[in-house]
Amino acid sequence: MRSLVVLTAGLSEPSSTRQLAVTIAEATEAKISARGEGVTTHIIDARRLAAELAATMTDWAVPTPQLDEAKQLLSTADGFIAVTPAFQGSYSGLFKMFFDVLDPHALEQLPTIVAATGGSPRHALILDYALRPLLNYLHAYVVPTGIFQSTEDLGTAEGARIRRRIERAATQLADQMIRPTDRVAGLADDPIPEPNSRPTGIGIDADFLPLEKILSHYDGLN
């Protein structure tokens, strides 16, 4: 059973951003099912994490149960879909805050679709100038096809073209989520990561040394 995690950073209710995220997820589910695999989809609504995101940005010790659950989902995910509304020509602050609180390796080699919504097609460059660099920096594997949907595209010929892009991106993501079994890790050009190996960033790292242990080796001479 594959695990697909979807992040939507839409702020309104109902949200065109969330609807796009659901549409992409449903297309990906269909592609995975067509390959004879099962999939479980988990939707992370950044709007519902806003209070915990703000709290953890100023106090890393504050309890954040909903955010911790989201981090756990990402650590075991086989695929990821990240969708944001376009604000001032880039992703929203809430969207960026979510990634700011993740472990630096939380998305390591995670197959990912990036998508965005906006009021005008003029914001379409957000995919290549904002979203793709952010996810690449975090070492996610971003599939070649990104999706941008503007409000004025709905119900038009352009909307039909966007639907074709969704199908193409879903195919690319499904191909990456269902990894081939006829390769040996280390012999292929792209190493196959161990399943469920990404860190959550929750709690204390295994190599963390408490202050008292560090001081126990201090003799006062150095």
N, C-alpha and C. Protein backbone atom coordinates (compact mmCIF):
# COMPACT_ATOMS: atom_id res chain seq x y z
N MET A 1 0.85 -1.20 0.00
CA MET A 1 0.00 0.00 0.00
C MET A 1 0.88 1.25 0.00
N ARG A 2 0.71 2.09 -1.01
CA ARG A 2 1.49 3.32 -1.12
C ARG A 2 0.84 4.43 -0.30
N SER A 3 1.66 5.38 0.13
CA SER A 3 1.17 6.52 0.91
C SER A 3 1.41 7.81 0.13
N LEU A 4 0.33 8.54 -0.12
CA LEU A 4 0.40 9.82 -0.83
C LEU A 4 0.00 10.92 0.14
N VAL A 5 0.88 11.92 0.31
CA VAL A 5 0.61 13.04 1.20
C VAL A 5 0.40 14.29 0.37
N VAL A 6 -0.65 15.03 0.70
CA VAL A 6 -1.01 16.24 -0.05
C VAL A 6 -1.00 17.43 0.90
N LEU A 7 -0.24 18.46 0.57
CA LEU A 7 -0.24 19.71 1.34
C LEU A 7 -0.99 20.77 0.56
N THR A 8 -2.02 21.36 1.18
CA THR A 8 -2.74 22.46 0.55
C THR A 8 -2.68 23.67 1.48
N ALA A 9 -2.31 24.82 0.91
CA ALA A 9 -2.15 26.03 1.73
C ALA A 9 -3.23 27.06 1.42
N GLY A 10 -4.37 26.63 0.89
CA GLY A 10 -5.46 27.56 0.63
C GLY A 10 -6.01 28.14 1.93
N LEU A 11 -6.44 29.39 1.89
CA LEU A 11 -6.90 30.07 3.10
C LEU A 11 -8.42 30.22 3.17
N SER A 12 -9.10 30.14 2.04
CA SER A 12 -10.54 30.36 2.03
C SER A 12 -11.29 29.05 2.19
N GLU A 13 -12.60 29.16 2.36
CA GLU A 13 -13.47 27.99 2.48
C GLU A 13 -14.78 28.28 1.75
N PRO A 14 -15.05 27.66 0.60
CA PRO A 14 -14.23 26.62 -0.04
C PRO A 14 -12.97 27.22 -0.68
N SER A 15 -12.03 26.36 -1.00
CA SER A 15 -10.73 26.80 -1.49
C SER A 15 -10.44 26.20 -2.86
N SER A 16 -10.14 27.05 -3.83
CA SER A 16 -9.76 26.55 -5.15
C SER A 16 -8.42 25.83 -5.09
N THR A 17 -7.57 26.25 -4.14
CA THR A 17 -6.27 25.59 -3.96
C THR A 17 -6.47 24.16 -3.48
N ARG A 18 -7.33 23.99 -2.49
CA ARG A 18 -7.62 22.63 -2.01
C ARG A 18 -8.26 21.79 -3.10
N GLN A 19 -9.17 22.37 -3.86
CA GLN A 19 -9.84 21.62 -4.92
C GLN A 19 -8.83 21.14 -5.95
N LEU A 20 -7.88 22.00 -6.33
CA LEU A 20 -6.84 21.58 -7.27
C LEU A 20 -6.02 20.44 -6.67
N ALA A 21 -5.67 20.56 -5.39
CA ALA A 21 -4.89 19.51 -4.73
C ALA A 21 -5.63 18.18 -4.76
N VAL A 22 -6.93 18.21 -4.48
CA VAL A 22 -7.74 16.98 -4.48
C VAL A 22 -7.81 16.40 -5.89
N THR A 23 -7.97 17.26 -6.89
CA THR A 23 -8.05 16.79 -8.28
C THR A 23 -6.76 16.08 -8.69
N ILE A 24 -5.61 16.66 -8.33
CA ILE A 24 -4.32 16.05 -8.66
C ILE A 24 -4.17 14.73 -7.92
N ALA A 25 -4.57 14.71 -6.65
CA ALA A 25 -4.47 13.49 -5.85
C ALA A 25 -5.33 12.38 -6.45
N GLU A 26 -6.55 12.71 -6.86
CA GLU A 26 -7.44 11.70 -7.45
C GLU A 26 -6.86 11.15 -8.75
N ALA A 27 -6.26 12.01 -9.56
CA ALA A 27 -5.64 11.56 -10.80
C ALA A 27 -4.47 10.62 -10.50
N THR A 28 -3.69 10.95 -9.47
CA THR A 28 -2.54 10.11 -9.10
C THR A 28 -3.02 8.76 -8.55
N GLU A 29 -4.06 8.79 -7.74
CA GLU A 29 -4.63 7.54 -7.22
C GLU A 29 -5.05 6.62 -8.36
N ALA A 30 -5.67 7.20 -9.40
CA ALA A 30 -6.12 6.41 -10.54
C ALA A 30 -4.94 5.79 -11.28
N LYS A 31 -3.86 6.54 -11.43
CA LYS A 31 -2.68 6.02 -12.12
C LYS A 31 -2.04 4.90 -11.33
N ILE A 32 -2.01 5.04 -10.00
CA ILE A 32 -1.42 4.00 -9.16
C ILE A 32 -2.29 2.74 -9.18
N SER A 33 -3.59 2.93 -9.09
CA SER A 33 -4.51 1.79 -9.12
C SER A 33 -4.40 1.04 -10.44
N ALA A 34 -4.20 1.79 -11.54
CA ALA A 34 -4.06 1.15 -12.85
C ALA A 34 -2.82 0.28 -12.94
N ARG A 35 -1.88 0.52 -12.04
CA ARG A 35 -0.66 -0.30 -12.00
C ARG A 35 -0.80 -1.47 -11.02
N GLY A 36 -2.00 -1.65 -10.49
CA GLY A 36 -2.25 -2.78 -9.60
C GLY A 36 -1.81 -2.57 -8.17
N GLU A 37 -1.62 -1.31 -7.78
CA GLU A 37 -1.18 -0.99 -6.42
C GLU A 37 -2.29 -0.25 -5.69
N GLY A 38 -2.31 -0.39 -4.35
CA GLY A 38 -3.22 0.39 -3.54
C GLY A 38 -2.55 1.66 -3.05
N VAL A 39 -3.34 2.64 -2.67
CA VAL A 39 -2.78 3.91 -2.19
C VAL A 39 -3.69 4.51 -1.13
N THR A 40 -3.08 5.07 -0.10
CA THR A 40 -3.80 5.81 0.93
C THR A 40 -3.37 7.27 0.84
N THR A 41 -4.35 8.17 0.75
CA THR A 41 -4.06 9.60 0.61
C THR A 41 -4.34 10.34 1.91
N HIS A 42 -3.38 11.17 2.33
CA HIS A 42 -3.52 11.98 3.53
C HIS A 42 -3.41 13.45 3.12
N ILE A 43 -4.38 14.26 3.49
CA ILE A 43 -4.37 15.69 3.16
C ILE A 43 -3.97 16.50 4.38
N ILE A 44 -2.93 17.31 4.23
CA ILE A 44 -2.48 18.24 5.27
C ILE A 44 -2.98 19.63 4.89
N ASP A 45 -3.85 20.19 5.70
CA ASP A 45 -4.41 21.53 5.46
C ASP A 45 -3.60 22.52 6.29
N ALA A 46 -2.73 23.28 5.62
CA ALA A 46 -1.85 24.21 6.34
C ALA A 46 -2.65 25.24 7.13
N ARG A 47 -3.84 25.58 6.65
CA ARG A 47 -4.67 26.56 7.36
C ARG A 47 -5.00 26.09 8.78
N ARG A 48 -5.20 24.80 8.94
CA ARG A 48 -5.53 24.25 10.26
C ARG A 48 -4.30 24.12 11.15
N LEU A 49 -3.11 24.28 10.56
CA LEU A 49 -1.87 24.21 11.33
C LEU A 49 -1.31 25.59 11.65
N ALA A 50 -2.03 26.65 11.26
CA ALA A 50 -1.50 28.01 11.36
C ALA A 50 -1.04 28.36 12.77
N ALA A 51 -1.86 28.05 13.78
CA ALA A 51 -1.50 28.41 15.16
C ALA A 51 -0.25 27.66 15.61
N GLU A 52 -0.18 26.36 15.30
CA GLU A 52 0.99 25.58 15.71
C GLU A 52 2.24 26.00 14.94
N LEU A 53 2.08 26.35 13.68
CA LEU A 53 3.23 26.82 12.90
C LEU A 53 3.78 28.12 13.49
N ALA A 54 2.89 29.05 13.82
CA ALA A 54 3.33 30.32 14.41
C ALA A 54 3.99 30.09 15.76
N ALA A 55 3.44 29.17 16.56
CA ALA A 55 4.00 28.91 17.89
C ALA A 55 5.39 28.29 17.80
N THR A 56 5.55 27.30 16.92
CA THR A 56 6.84 26.62 16.84
C THR A 56 7.93 27.48 16.22
N MET A 57 7.54 28.50 15.42
CA MET A 57 8.53 29.40 14.84
C MET A 57 9.19 30.27 15.91
N THR A 58 8.50 30.46 17.03
CA THR A 58 9.05 31.30 18.10
C THR A 58 9.46 30.52 19.34
N ASP A 59 9.00 29.27 19.42
CA ASP A 59 9.35 28.44 20.59
C ASP A 59 9.34 26.98 20.14
N TRP A 60 10.53 26.43 19.90
CA TRP A 60 10.64 25.07 19.37
C TRP A 60 10.23 24.01 20.39
N ALA A 61 10.05 24.41 21.65
CA ALA A 61 9.68 23.45 22.68
C ALA A 61 8.17 23.33 22.88
N VAL A 62 7.40 24.18 22.23
CA VAL A 62 5.95 24.18 22.44
C VAL A 62 5.35 22.91 21.82
N PRO A 63 4.37 22.28 22.48
CA PRO A 63 3.73 21.08 21.92
C PRO A 63 2.96 21.41 20.65
N THR A 64 3.15 20.60 19.60
CA THR A 64 2.46 20.81 18.33
C THR A 64 1.98 19.45 17.81
N PRO A 65 0.95 18.88 18.41
CA PRO A 65 0.51 17.52 18.04
C PRO A 65 0.07 17.38 16.59
N GLN A 66 -0.66 18.36 16.06
CA GLN A 66 -1.13 18.26 14.67
C GLN A 66 0.04 18.38 13.69
N LEU A 67 0.97 19.27 13.99
CA LEU A 67 2.15 19.43 13.14
C LEU A 67 3.03 18.19 13.21
N ASP A 68 3.16 17.60 14.39
CA ASP A 68 3.94 16.37 14.53
C ASP A 68 3.33 15.24 13.70
N GLU A 69 2.01 15.18 13.68
CA GLU A 69 1.34 14.15 12.88
C GLU A 69 1.64 14.34 11.39
N ALA A 70 1.65 15.60 10.94
CA ALA A 70 1.98 15.90 9.55
C ALA A 70 3.41 15.48 9.23
N LYS A 71 4.33 15.74 10.14
CA LYS A 71 5.73 15.34 9.93
C LYS A 71 5.86 13.83 9.86
N GLN A 72 5.12 13.11 10.69
CA GLN A 72 5.14 11.66 10.66
C GLN A 72 4.64 11.14 9.31
N LEU A 73 3.58 11.74 8.81
CA LEU A 73 3.05 11.32 7.51
C LEU A 73 4.08 11.48 6.41
N LEU A 74 4.80 12.60 6.42
CA LEU A 74 5.82 12.84 5.39
C LEU A 74 6.98 11.85 5.50
N SER A 75 7.32 11.45 6.71
CA SER A 75 8.47 10.56 6.90
C SER A 75 8.25 9.19 6.27
N THR A 76 6.99 8.78 6.10
CA THR A 76 6.69 7.48 5.53
C THR A 76 6.00 7.58 4.17
N ALA A 77 5.97 8.77 3.59
CA ALA A 77 5.26 8.97 2.33
C ALA A 77 6.04 8.39 1.15
N ASP A 78 5.29 7.89 0.16
CA ASP A 78 5.89 7.45 -1.11
C ASP A 78 5.77 8.53 -2.17
N GLY A 79 4.86 9.48 -1.96
CA GLY A 79 4.67 10.56 -2.92
C GLY A 79 4.10 11.78 -2.21
N PHE A 80 4.30 12.96 -2.81
CA PHE A 80 3.93 14.22 -2.18
C PHE A 80 3.39 15.17 -3.23
N ILE A 81 2.31 15.88 -2.90
CA ILE A 81 1.75 16.92 -3.75
C ILE A 81 1.67 18.19 -2.93
N ALA A 82 2.31 19.26 -3.38
CA ALA A 82 2.35 20.53 -2.64
C ALA A 82 1.69 21.62 -3.47
N VAL A 83 0.62 22.22 -2.93
CA VAL A 83 -0.17 23.20 -3.68
C VAL A 83 -0.34 24.47 -2.84
N THR A 84 -0.06 25.61 -3.44
CA THR A 84 -0.17 26.89 -2.73
C THR A 84 -0.90 27.92 -3.59
N PRO A 85 -1.58 28.86 -2.96
CA PRO A 85 -2.05 30.02 -3.72
C PRO A 85 -0.88 30.95 -3.99
N ALA A 86 -0.96 31.72 -5.07
CA ALA A 86 0.08 32.69 -5.39
C ALA A 86 -0.19 33.99 -4.63
N PHE A 87 0.78 34.41 -3.82
CA PHE A 87 0.70 35.67 -3.09
C PHE A 87 1.88 36.54 -3.50
N GLN A 88 1.61 37.71 -4.04
CA GLN A 88 2.67 38.65 -4.43
C GLN A 88 3.73 37.98 -5.31
N GLY A 89 3.26 37.14 -6.22
CA GLY A 89 4.16 36.52 -7.18
C GLY A 89 4.94 35.33 -6.66
N SER A 90 4.61 34.84 -5.46
CA SER A 90 5.34 33.70 -4.91
C SER A 90 4.38 32.86 -4.08
N TYR A 91 4.91 31.86 -3.37
CA TYR A 91 4.07 31.03 -2.50
C TYR A 91 3.64 31.83 -1.29
N SER A 92 2.59 31.37 -0.62
CA SER A 92 2.09 32.09 0.55
C SER A 92 3.03 31.91 1.74
N GLY A 93 2.95 32.84 2.70
CA GLY A 93 3.78 32.74 3.89
C GLY A 93 3.47 31.49 4.70
N LEU A 94 2.20 31.11 4.76
CA LEU A 94 1.81 29.92 5.50
C LEU A 94 2.42 28.67 4.88
N PHE A 95 2.42 28.61 3.55
CA PHE A 95 3.04 27.49 2.83
C PHE A 95 4.52 27.39 3.18
N LYS A 96 5.21 28.52 3.15
CA LYS A 96 6.66 28.52 3.43
C LYS A 96 6.94 28.17 4.89
N MET A 97 6.09 28.61 5.81
CA MET A 97 6.28 28.29 7.22
C MET A 97 6.27 26.79 7.46
N PHE A 98 5.43 26.07 6.73
CA PHE A 98 5.38 24.62 6.90
C PHE A 98 6.73 24.00 6.59
N PHE A 99 7.35 24.42 5.50
CA PHE A 99 8.64 23.85 5.13
C PHE A 99 9.77 24.35 6.04
N ASP A 100 9.61 25.54 6.61
CA ASP A 100 10.63 26.09 7.50
C ASP A 100 10.77 25.26 8.78
N VAL A 101 9.72 24.57 9.20
CA VAL A 101 9.78 23.82 10.46
C VAL A 101 10.10 22.35 10.25
N LEU A 102 10.32 21.92 9.00
CA LEU A 102 10.66 20.53 8.74
C LEU A 102 12.13 20.26 8.97
N ASP A 103 12.46 19.01 9.26
CA ASP A 103 13.86 18.58 9.29
C ASP A 103 14.46 18.81 7.90
N PRO A 104 15.73 19.21 7.80
CA PRO A 104 16.34 19.48 6.49
C PRO A 104 16.27 18.31 5.52
N HIS A 105 16.14 17.08 6.04
CA HIS A 105 16.09 15.90 5.17
C HIS A 105 14.72 15.24 5.16
N ALA A 106 13.69 15.97 5.57
CA ALA A 106 12.34 15.40 5.67
C ALA A 106 11.75 15.01 4.31
N LEU A 107 12.25 15.64 3.24
CA LEU A 107 11.72 15.35 1.90
C LEU A 107 12.75 14.65 1.02
N GLU A 108 13.75 14.08 1.60
CA GLU A 108 14.86 13.48 0.85
C GLU A 108 14.36 12.49 -0.20
N GLN A 109 14.62 12.81 -1.49
CA GLN A 109 14.27 11.97 -2.64
C GLN A 109 12.79 11.59 -2.69
N LEU A 110 11.93 12.43 -2.13
CA LEU A 110 10.49 12.16 -2.13
C LEU A 110 9.87 12.63 -3.45
N PRO A 111 9.30 11.74 -4.25
CA PRO A 111 8.66 12.15 -5.51
C PRO A 111 7.55 13.17 -5.24
N THR A 112 7.59 14.30 -5.97
CA THR A 112 6.73 15.43 -5.63
C THR A 112 6.17 16.12 -6.86
N ILE A 113 4.90 16.51 -6.78
CA ILE A 113 4.29 17.41 -7.75
C ILE A 113 4.15 18.78 -7.11
N VAL A 114 4.53 19.84 -7.82
CA VAL A 114 4.29 21.20 -7.34
C VAL A 114 3.17 21.82 -8.17
N ALA A 115 2.29 22.56 -7.49
CA ALA A 115 1.15 23.18 -8.17
C ALA A 115 0.78 24.46 -7.45
N ALA A 116 0.09 25.34 -8.16
CA ALA A 116 -0.32 26.62 -7.57
C ALA A 116 -1.58 27.13 -8.24
N THR A 117 -2.28 28.00 -7.51
CA THR A 117 -3.46 28.67 -8.05
C THR A 117 -3.25 30.18 -7.95
N GLY A 118 -3.96 30.91 -8.80
CA GLY A 118 -3.85 32.36 -8.76
C GLY A 118 -4.99 33.01 -9.54
N GLY A 119 -5.10 34.30 -9.40
CA GLY A 119 -6.16 35.02 -10.08
C GLY A 119 -5.89 35.29 -11.53
N SER A 120 -4.62 35.15 -11.94
CA SER A 120 -4.25 35.49 -13.31
C SER A 120 -3.14 34.55 -13.79
N PRO A 121 -3.10 34.23 -15.10
CA PRO A 121 -2.02 33.42 -15.65
C PRO A 121 -0.65 34.06 -15.49
N ARG A 122 -0.61 35.35 -15.17
CA ARG A 122 0.68 36.04 -15.02
C ARG A 122 1.51 35.45 -13.88
N HIS A 123 0.84 34.74 -12.96
CA HIS A 123 1.56 34.15 -11.83
C HIS A 123 2.13 32.77 -12.13
N ALA A 124 1.97 32.28 -13.35
CA ALA A 124 2.33 30.90 -13.66
C ALA A 124 3.82 30.61 -13.43
N LEU A 125 4.66 31.63 -13.54
CA LEU A 125 6.11 31.40 -13.36
C LEU A 125 6.48 31.03 -11.92
N ILE A 126 5.52 31.14 -11.01
CA ILE A 126 5.77 30.73 -9.62
C ILE A 126 6.26 29.29 -9.55
N LEU A 127 5.84 28.46 -10.49
CA LEU A 127 6.24 27.05 -10.46
C LEU A 127 7.75 26.89 -10.59
N ASP A 128 8.34 27.59 -11.55
CA ASP A 128 9.77 27.40 -11.83
C ASP A 128 10.67 28.37 -11.08
N TYR A 129 10.13 29.50 -10.63
CA TYR A 129 10.97 30.49 -9.97
C TYR A 129 10.81 30.51 -8.44
N ALA A 130 9.84 29.78 -7.91
CA ALA A 130 9.64 29.76 -6.46
C ALA A 130 9.47 28.34 -5.93
N LEU A 131 8.48 27.61 -6.43
CA LEU A 131 8.19 26.29 -5.88
C LEU A 131 9.27 25.26 -6.18
N ARG A 132 9.67 25.17 -7.43
CA ARG A 132 10.66 24.15 -7.79
C ARG A 132 11.99 24.37 -7.07
N PRO A 133 12.52 25.59 -7.01
CA PRO A 133 13.77 25.79 -6.25
C PRO A 133 13.64 25.43 -4.77
N LEU A 134 12.50 25.75 -4.14
CA LEU A 134 12.30 25.43 -2.74
C LEU A 134 12.34 23.93 -2.51
N LEU A 135 11.57 23.17 -3.30
CA LEU A 135 11.51 21.73 -3.12
C LEU A 135 12.82 21.05 -3.53
N ASN A 136 13.50 21.59 -4.55
CA ASN A 136 14.81 21.05 -4.92
C ASN A 136 15.83 21.27 -3.81
N TYR A 137 15.76 22.42 -3.17
CA TYR A 137 16.67 22.71 -2.06
C TYR A 137 16.50 21.69 -0.95
N LEU A 138 15.26 21.24 -0.73
CA LEU A 138 14.98 20.27 0.32
C LEU A 138 15.17 18.83 -0.17
N HIS A 139 15.75 18.66 -1.36
CA HIS A 139 16.15 17.36 -1.92
C HIS A 139 14.97 16.47 -2.29
N ALA A 140 13.80 17.07 -2.50
CA ALA A 140 12.69 16.30 -3.04
C ALA A 140 12.96 16.04 -4.52
N TYR A 141 12.36 14.97 -5.05
CA TYR A 141 12.43 14.72 -6.49
C TYR A 141 11.17 15.31 -7.12
N VAL A 142 11.29 16.48 -7.74
CA VAL A 142 10.14 17.18 -8.32
C VAL A 142 9.95 16.70 -9.76
N VAL A 143 8.77 16.17 -10.05
CA VAL A 143 8.50 15.64 -11.39
C VAL A 143 8.51 16.80 -12.40
N PRO A 144 8.79 16.51 -13.67
CA PRO A 144 8.95 17.57 -14.66
C PRO A 144 7.73 18.46 -14.86
N THR A 145 6.53 17.92 -14.73
CA THR A 145 5.32 18.68 -15.04
C THR A 145 4.74 19.31 -13.78
N GLY A 146 4.69 20.64 -13.75
CA GLY A 146 4.02 21.37 -12.68
C GLY A 146 2.67 21.87 -13.18
N ILE A 147 1.81 22.27 -12.26
CA ILE A 147 0.45 22.70 -12.64
C ILE A 147 0.14 24.06 -12.05
N PHE A 148 -0.29 24.98 -12.91
CA PHE A 148 -0.79 26.27 -12.44
C PHE A 148 -2.20 26.46 -12.98
N GLN A 149 -3.11 26.83 -12.10
CA GLN A 149 -4.50 27.04 -12.50
C GLN A 149 -4.96 28.41 -12.04
N SER A 150 -5.36 29.25 -12.98
CA SER A 150 -5.88 30.58 -12.62
C SER A 150 -7.40 30.54 -12.61
N THR A 151 -7.99 31.48 -11.90
CA THR A 151 -9.44 31.52 -11.76
C THR A 151 -10.12 31.65 -13.11
N GLU A 152 -9.55 32.43 -14.00
CA GLU A 152 -10.20 32.66 -15.29
C GLU A 152 -10.09 31.48 -16.25
N ASP A 153 -9.27 30.45 -15.87
CA ASP A 153 -9.13 29.27 -16.72
C ASP A 153 -10.28 28.29 -16.56
N LEU A 154 -10.99 28.38 -15.44
CA LEU A 154 -12.03 27.39 -15.14
C LEU A 154 -13.14 27.42 -16.18
N GLY A 155 -13.49 26.26 -16.71
CA GLY A 155 -14.57 26.16 -17.69
C GLY A 155 -14.21 26.62 -19.08
N THR A 156 -12.92 26.78 -19.38
CA THR A 156 -12.49 27.25 -20.70
C THR A 156 -11.64 26.17 -21.37
N ALA A 157 -11.22 26.46 -22.60
CA ALA A 157 -10.34 25.54 -23.32
C ALA A 157 -9.00 25.40 -22.59
N GLU A 158 -8.55 26.50 -21.98
CA GLU A 158 -7.32 26.43 -21.20
C GLU A 158 -7.48 25.50 -20.01
N GLY A 159 -8.68 25.49 -19.43
CA GLY A 159 -8.94 24.58 -18.33
C GLY A 159 -8.80 23.13 -18.75
N ALA A 160 -9.21 22.81 -19.98
CA ALA A 160 -9.05 21.45 -20.50
C ALA A 160 -7.58 21.11 -20.68
N ARG A 161 -6.79 22.08 -21.10
CA ARG A 161 -5.34 21.85 -21.25
C ARG A 161 -4.70 21.59 -19.89
N ILE A 162 -5.15 22.31 -18.87
CA ILE A 162 -4.62 22.10 -17.52
C ILE A 162 -4.96 20.69 -17.05
N ARG A 163 -6.15 20.21 -17.39
CA ARG A 163 -6.52 18.85 -17.02
C ARG A 163 -5.57 17.84 -17.64
N ARG A 164 -5.13 18.08 -18.86
CA ARG A 164 -4.16 17.18 -19.50
C ARG A 164 -2.83 17.23 -18.78
N ARG A 165 -2.44 18.42 -18.31
CA ARG A 165 -1.19 18.53 -17.55
C ARG A 165 -1.30 17.78 -16.22
N ILE A 166 -2.47 17.82 -15.60
CA ILE A 166 -2.67 17.08 -14.35
C ILE A 166 -2.49 15.59 -14.60
N GLU A 167 -3.05 15.09 -15.69
CA GLU A 167 -2.92 13.67 -16.02
C GLU A 167 -1.45 13.30 -16.25
N ARG A 168 -0.73 14.19 -16.94
CA ARG A 168 0.69 13.92 -17.22
C ARG A 168 1.50 13.93 -15.93
N ALA A 169 1.26 14.92 -15.07
CA ALA A 169 2.00 14.99 -13.81
C ALA A 169 1.67 13.80 -12.93
N ALA A 170 0.39 13.38 -12.90
CA ALA A 170 -0.01 12.23 -12.10
C ALA A 170 0.69 10.96 -12.58
N THR A 171 0.82 10.82 -13.89
CA THR A 171 1.54 9.66 -14.44
C THR A 171 3.00 9.67 -14.00
N GLN A 172 3.63 10.83 -14.07
CA GLN A 172 5.03 10.94 -13.67
C GLN A 172 5.22 10.63 -12.19
N LEU A 173 4.29 11.11 -11.35
CA LEU A 173 4.39 10.84 -9.92
C LEU A 173 4.17 9.36 -9.63
N ALA A 174 3.16 8.76 -10.27
CA ALA A 174 2.90 7.33 -10.05
C ALA A 174 4.09 6.49 -10.48
N ASP A 175 4.75 6.87 -11.57
CA ASP A 175 5.93 6.14 -12.03
C ASP A 175 7.03 6.14 -10.98
N GLN A 176 7.18 7.28 -10.29
CA GLN A 176 8.21 7.39 -9.26
C GLN A 176 7.80 6.72 -7.96
N MET A 177 6.53 6.76 -7.63
CA MET A 177 6.07 6.15 -6.39
C MET A 177 6.15 4.63 -6.43
N ILE A 178 5.91 4.06 -7.60
CA ILE A 178 6.01 2.60 -7.74
C ILE A 178 7.37 2.29 -8.33
N ARG A 179 8.32 2.12 -7.46
CA ARG A 179 9.70 1.95 -7.89
C ARG A 179 9.90 0.56 -8.49
N PRO A 180 10.77 0.46 -9.50
CA PRO A 180 11.01 -0.85 -10.10
C PRO A 180 11.68 -1.79 -9.12
N THR A 181 11.35 -3.07 -9.24
CA THR A 181 11.93 -4.08 -8.34
C THR A 181 13.05 -4.87 -9.00
N ASP A 182 13.38 -4.52 -10.25
CA ASP A 182 14.41 -5.28 -10.97
C ASP A 182 15.75 -4.58 -10.96
N ARG A 183 15.94 -3.63 -10.02
CA ARG A 183 17.22 -2.94 -9.90
C ARG A 183 17.78 -3.14 -8.51
N VAL A 184 19.09 -3.13 -8.43
CA VAL A 184 19.76 -3.23 -7.14
C VAL A 184 20.24 -1.85 -6.75
N ALA A 185 19.91 -1.41 -5.54
CA ALA A 185 20.35 -0.09 -5.07
C ALA A 185 21.86 0.00 -5.15
N GLY A 186 22.37 1.10 -5.69
CA GLY A 186 23.81 1.31 -5.80
C GLY A 186 24.32 1.05 -7.20
N LEU A 187 23.57 0.30 -8.02
CA LEU A 187 24.00 0.03 -9.38
C LEU A 187 23.32 0.93 -10.39
N ALA A 188 22.17 1.48 -10.03
CA ALA A 188 21.45 2.40 -10.92
C ALA A 188 22.02 3.80 -10.78
N ASP A 189 21.72 4.64 -11.78
CA ASP A 189 22.20 6.02 -11.73
C ASP A 189 21.64 6.75 -10.52
N ASP A 190 20.36 6.53 -10.22
CA ASP A 190 19.72 7.17 -9.08
C ASP A 190 19.52 6.13 -7.98
N PRO A 191 20.20 6.27 -6.85
CA PRO A 191 20.04 5.29 -5.79
C PRO A 191 18.62 5.23 -5.28
N ILE A 192 18.18 4.01 -4.93
CA ILE A 192 16.84 3.83 -4.40
C ILE A 192 16.90 3.98 -2.89
N PRO A 193 16.23 4.98 -2.31
CA PRO A 193 16.32 5.20 -0.88
C PRO A 193 15.62 4.10 -0.11
N GLU A 194 16.07 3.86 1.11
CA GLU A 194 15.39 2.90 1.97
C GLU A 194 14.00 3.41 2.30
N PRO A 195 12.99 2.53 2.32
CA PRO A 195 11.63 2.99 2.63
C PRO A 195 11.53 3.51 4.05
N ASN A 196 10.71 4.55 4.22
CA ASN A 196 10.42 5.10 5.54
C ASN A 196 11.68 5.53 6.29
N SER A 197 12.67 6.05 5.55
CA SER A 197 13.94 6.37 6.18
C SER A 197 14.13 7.85 6.45
N ARG A 198 13.16 8.67 6.08
CA ARG A 198 13.34 10.11 6.24
C ARG A 198 13.05 10.52 7.68
N PRO A 199 13.84 11.46 8.22
CA PRO A 199 13.63 11.90 9.61
C PRO A 199 12.40 12.77 9.77
N THR A 200 11.80 12.71 10.95
CA THR A 200 10.63 13.54 11.23
C THR A 200 11.02 14.90 11.80
N GLY A 201 12.16 14.97 12.47
CA GLY A 201 12.54 16.21 13.15
C GLY A 201 11.82 16.38 14.47
N ILE A 202 11.11 15.34 14.91
CA ILE A 202 10.38 15.40 16.18
C ILE A 202 11.26 14.86 17.30
N GLY A 203 11.34 15.59 18.40
CA GLY A 203 12.13 15.12 19.54
C GLY A 203 13.61 15.38 19.37
N ILE A 204 14.40 14.69 20.16
CA ILE A 204 15.84 14.89 20.19
C ILE A 204 16.51 13.91 19.25
N ASP A 205 17.43 14.40 18.43
CA ASP A 205 18.15 13.54 17.51
C ASP A 205 18.98 12.52 18.26
N ALA A 206 19.24 11.40 17.59
CA ALA A 206 19.96 10.31 18.23
C ALA A 206 21.38 10.71 18.61
N ASP A 207 22.00 11.63 17.84
CA ASP A 207 23.38 12.02 18.13
C ASP A 207 23.47 13.26 19.01
N PHE A 208 22.35 13.66 19.62
CA PHE A 208 22.34 14.82 20.50
C PHE A 208 23.04 14.50 21.82
N LEU A 209 23.95 15.37 22.26
CA LEU A 209 24.66 15.18 23.52
C LEU A 209 24.16 16.19 24.54
N PRO A 210 23.62 15.73 25.67
CA PRO A 210 23.18 16.65 26.71
C PRO A 210 24.35 17.48 27.23
N LEU A 211 24.06 18.68 27.71
CA LEU A 211 25.10 19.59 28.19
C LEU A 211 25.91 18.96 29.31
N GLU A 212 25.23 18.24 30.23
CA GLU A 212 25.97 17.66 31.35
C GLU A 212 27.00 16.62 30.89
N LYS A 213 26.68 15.91 29.79
CA LYS A 213 27.64 14.92 29.28
C LYS A 213 28.83 15.60 28.64
N ILE A 214 28.57 16.73 27.96
CA ILE A 214 29.67 17.48 27.36
C ILE A 214 30.59 18.03 28.45
N LEU A 215 30.00 18.59 29.51
CA LEU A 215 30.78 19.17 30.59
C LEU A 215 31.54 18.12 31.40
N SER A 216 31.07 16.87 31.38
CA SER A 216 31.74 15.82 32.16
C SER A 216 33.15 15.55 31.66
N HIS A 217 33.42 15.92 30.39
CA HIS A 217 34.76 15.72 29.82
C HIS A 217 35.65 16.98 29.96
N TYR A 218 35.11 17.99 30.57
CA TYR A 218 35.85 19.25 30.70
C TYR A 218 36.63 19.24 32.01
N ASP A 219 37.96 19.40 31.92
CA ASP A 219 38.81 19.35 33.11
C ASP A 219 39.21 20.73 33.61
N GLY A 220 38.73 21.77 32.94
CA GLY A 220 39.02 23.12 33.37
C GLY A 220 40.34 23.65 32.84
N LEU A 221 41.09 22.83 32.10
CA LEU A 221 42.40 23.27 31.62
C LEU A 221 42.34 23.79 30.18
N ASN A 222 41.34 23.37 29.43
CA ASN A 222 41.25 23.76 28.02
C ASN A 222 39.96 24.51 27.76
